[in-house]
C-alpha atoms as a PDB file:
ATOM      1  CA  MET A   1     -26.852  -2.829  14.083  1.00  0.00           C
ATOM      2  CA  PRO A   2     -27.992  -5.889  11.992  1.00  0.00           C
ATOM      3  CA  ALA A   3     -31.241  -5.983  13.933  1.00  0.00           C
ATOM      4  CA  GLU A   4     -31.806  -2.338  12.888  1.00  0.00           C
ATOM      5  CA  ARG A   5     -31.417  -3.016   9.340  1.00  0.00           C
ATOM      6  CA  LYS A   6     -33.705  -6.064   9.546  1.00  0.00           C
ATOM      7  CA  THR A   7     -36.355  -3.881  11.224  1.00  0.00           C
ATOM      8  CA  ASN A   8     -36.196  -1.066   8.701  1.00  0.00           C
ATOM      9  CA  GLN A   9     -36.282  -3.749   6.106  1.00  0.00           C
ATOM     10  CA  SER A  10     -39.566  -5.255   7.660  1.00  0.00           C
ATOM     11  CA  ARG A  11     -41.072  -1.784   7.660  1.00  0.00           C
ATOM     12  CA  ARG A  12     -40.386  -1.305   4.309  1.00  0.00           C
ATOM     13  CA  LEU A  13     -41.827  -4.382   3.110  1.00  0.00           C
ATOM     14  CA  THR A  14     -44.837  -3.803   5.303  1.00  0.00           C
ATOM     15  CA  ALA A  15     -45.355  -0.601   3.693  1.00  0.00           C
ATOM     16  CA  ALA A  16     -44.948  -2.008   0.217  1.00  0.00           C
ATOM     17  CA  GLY A  17     -47.585  -4.943   1.069  1.00  0.00           C
ATOM     18  CA  LEU A  18     -50.167  -2.396   2.424  1.00  0.00           C
ATOM     19  CA  ILE A  19     -49.798  -0.313  -0.839  1.00  0.00           C
ATOM     20  CA  ALA A  20     -50.142  -3.289  -3.183  1.00  0.00           C
ATOM     21  CA  ASN A  21     -53.036  -4.540  -1.190  1.00  0.00           C
ATOM     22  CA  GLY A  22     -54.873  -1.267  -1.386  1.00  0.00           C
ATOM     23  CA  ALA A  23     -53.896  -1.131  -5.253  1.00  0.00           C
ATOM     24  CA  GLY A  24     -55.892  -4.606  -5.546  1.00  0.00           C
ATOM     25  CA  LEU A  25     -53.254  -7.194  -5.478  1.00  0.00           C
ATOM     26  CA  THR A  26     -54.924 -10.562  -4.789  1.00  0.00           C
ATOM     27  CA  ASP A  27     -54.026 -14.002  -4.153  1.00  0.00           C
ATOM     28  CA  ALA A  28     -54.769 -15.001  -7.949  1.00  0.00           C
ATOM     29  CA  LEU A  29     -51.760 -12.898  -9.041  1.00  0.00           C
ATOM     30  CA  LEU A  30     -53.267 -11.794 -12.282  1.00  0.00           C
ATOM     31  CA  HIS A  31     -50.946  -9.897 -14.534  1.00  0.00           C
ATOM     32  CA  ASP A  32     -53.068  -6.727 -14.535  1.00  0.00           C
ATOM     33  CA  ASP A  33     -53.221  -6.970 -10.565  1.00  0.00           C
ATOM     34  CA  VAL A  34     -49.481  -7.361 -10.405  1.00  0.00           C
ATOM     35  CA  SER A  35     -48.691  -4.432 -12.813  1.00  0.00           C
ATOM     36  CA  ARG A  36     -51.189  -1.939 -10.957  1.00  0.00           C
ATOM     37  CA  ALA A  37     -49.605  -2.836  -7.599  1.00  0.00           C
ATOM     38  CA  VAL A  38     -46.232  -2.488  -9.010  1.00  0.00           C
ATOM     39  CA  LEU A  39     -46.943   0.973 -10.357  1.00  0.00           C
ATOM     40  CA  ALA A  40     -48.541   1.784  -6.986  1.00  0.00           C
ATOM     41  CA  VAL A  41     -45.798   0.876  -4.913  1.00  0.00           C
ATOM     42  CA  LEU A  42     -42.999   2.435  -7.215  1.00  0.00           C
ATOM     43  CA  GLY A  43     -45.316   5.579  -7.420  1.00  0.00           C
ATOM     44  CA  ILE A  44     -45.410   5.962  -3.708  1.00  0.00           C
ATOM     45  CA  GLY A  45     -41.721   5.507  -3.717  1.00  0.00           C
ATOM     46  CA  VAL A  46     -41.260   8.441  -6.101  1.00  0.00           C
ATOM     47  CA  ALA A  47     -43.826  10.532  -4.463  1.00  0.00           C
ATOM     48  CA  ALA A  48     -42.495  10.712  -1.161  1.00  0.00           C
ATOM     49  CA  PRO A  49     -38.889  11.819  -2.134  1.00  0.00           C
ATOM     50  CA  LEU A  50     -40.439  14.355  -4.693  1.00  0.00           C
ATOM     51  CA  GLY A  51     -42.669  15.684  -1.940  1.00  0.00           C
ATOM     52  CA  ALA A  52     -39.473  15.966   0.474  1.00  0.00           C
ATOM     53  CA  LEU A  53     -37.753  17.858  -2.297  1.00  0.00           C
ATOM     54  CA  LEU A  54     -40.583  20.463  -3.060  1.00  0.00           C
ATOM     55  CA  PHE A  55     -40.692  21.123   0.942  1.00  0.00           C
ATOM     56  CA  ALA A  56     -36.972  21.469   1.037  1.00  0.00           C
ATOM     57  CA  LEU A  57     -36.912  23.711  -1.824  1.00  0.00           C
ATOM     58  CA  ARG A  58     -39.938  25.920  -0.179  1.00  0.00           C
ATOM     59  CA  PHE A  59     -38.252  26.130   3.062  1.00  0.00           C
ATOM     60  CA  THR A  60     -34.808  27.352   1.605  1.00  0.00           C
ATOM     61  CA  SER A  61     -36.802  29.982  -0.315  1.00  0.00           C
ATOM     62  CA  LEU A  62     -38.513  31.204   2.726  1.00  0.00           C
ATOM     63  CA  VAL A  63     -35.187  31.082   4.568  1.00  0.00           C
ATOM     64  CA  ALA A  64     -33.234  32.843   1.896  1.00  0.00           C
ATOM     65  CA  ALA A  65     -36.178  35.409   1.337  1.00  0.00           C
ATOM     66  CA  THR A  66     -34.712  38.988   2.261  1.00  0.00           C
ATOM     67  CA  PRO A  67     -37.436  40.545   4.864  1.00  0.00           C
ATOM     68  CA  ALA A  68     -39.424  43.456   3.189  1.00  0.00           C
ATOM     69  CA  PRO A  69     -38.193  46.793   4.751  1.00  0.00           C
ATOM     70  CA  SER A  70     -40.430  47.590   7.620  1.00  0.00           C
ATOM     71  CA  SER A  71     -41.507  51.204   8.565  1.00  0.00           C
ATOM     72  CA  GLN A  72     -39.862  52.642  11.717  1.00  0.00           C
ATOM     73  CA  ASP A  73     -42.260  52.055  14.792  1.00  0.00           C
ATOM     74  CA  PRO A  74     -44.003  55.317  15.252  1.00  0.00           C
ATOM     75  CA  ALA A  75     -44.298  54.801  18.972  1.00  0.00           C
ATOM     76  CA  LYS A  76     -40.438  54.909  19.302  1.00  0.00           C
ATOM     77  CA  SER A  77     -39.901  57.819  17.039  1.00  0.00           C
ATOM     78  CA  ALA A  78     -42.582  59.869  18.225  1.00  0.00           C
ATOM     79  CA  PRO A  79     -41.236  62.907  20.312  1.00  0.00           C
ATOM     80  CA  GLY A  80     -41.990  62.534  23.847  1.00  0.00           C
ATOM     81  CA  SER A  81     -42.546  58.905  23.721  1.00  0.00           C
ATOM     82  CA  ALA A  82     -40.431  56.721  25.940  1.00  0.00           C
ATOM     83  CA  GLY A  83     -38.520  55.185  23.270  1.00  0.00           C
ATOM     84  CA  ALA A  84     -37.577  58.426  21.675  1.00  0.00           C
ATOM     85  CA  THR A  85     -34.029  59.216  21.406  1.00  0.00           C
ATOM     86  CA  HIS A  86     -33.654  62.913  21.567  1.00  0.00           C
END
C-alpha cells in the first residue's frame, strides 16, 4: 500500500511540474513566473473536478429523463400483419 501512495504522489507531482513548465516556470524563479505557474496548477486542479461534476450532472439528467411517448409501431398494429393481435 505505501508503494501505491508513493506512485500516486509521484504522478501528481509530475503532472504539476509539467503544468508549471507549460505555464513558463523557469530556473530563475521570478515572482511573476511562479505566480503564473501556481495559478495554472491550481486552475487545472479546479478544472478537472468541475468537468467531472458537469459530466455527472449531464449523465444523471439523461438517465433520469423520461422517454417521449412513442407511437405504436404501424407494422404490429396493421390488420393482417404478423404482429397483429386480433
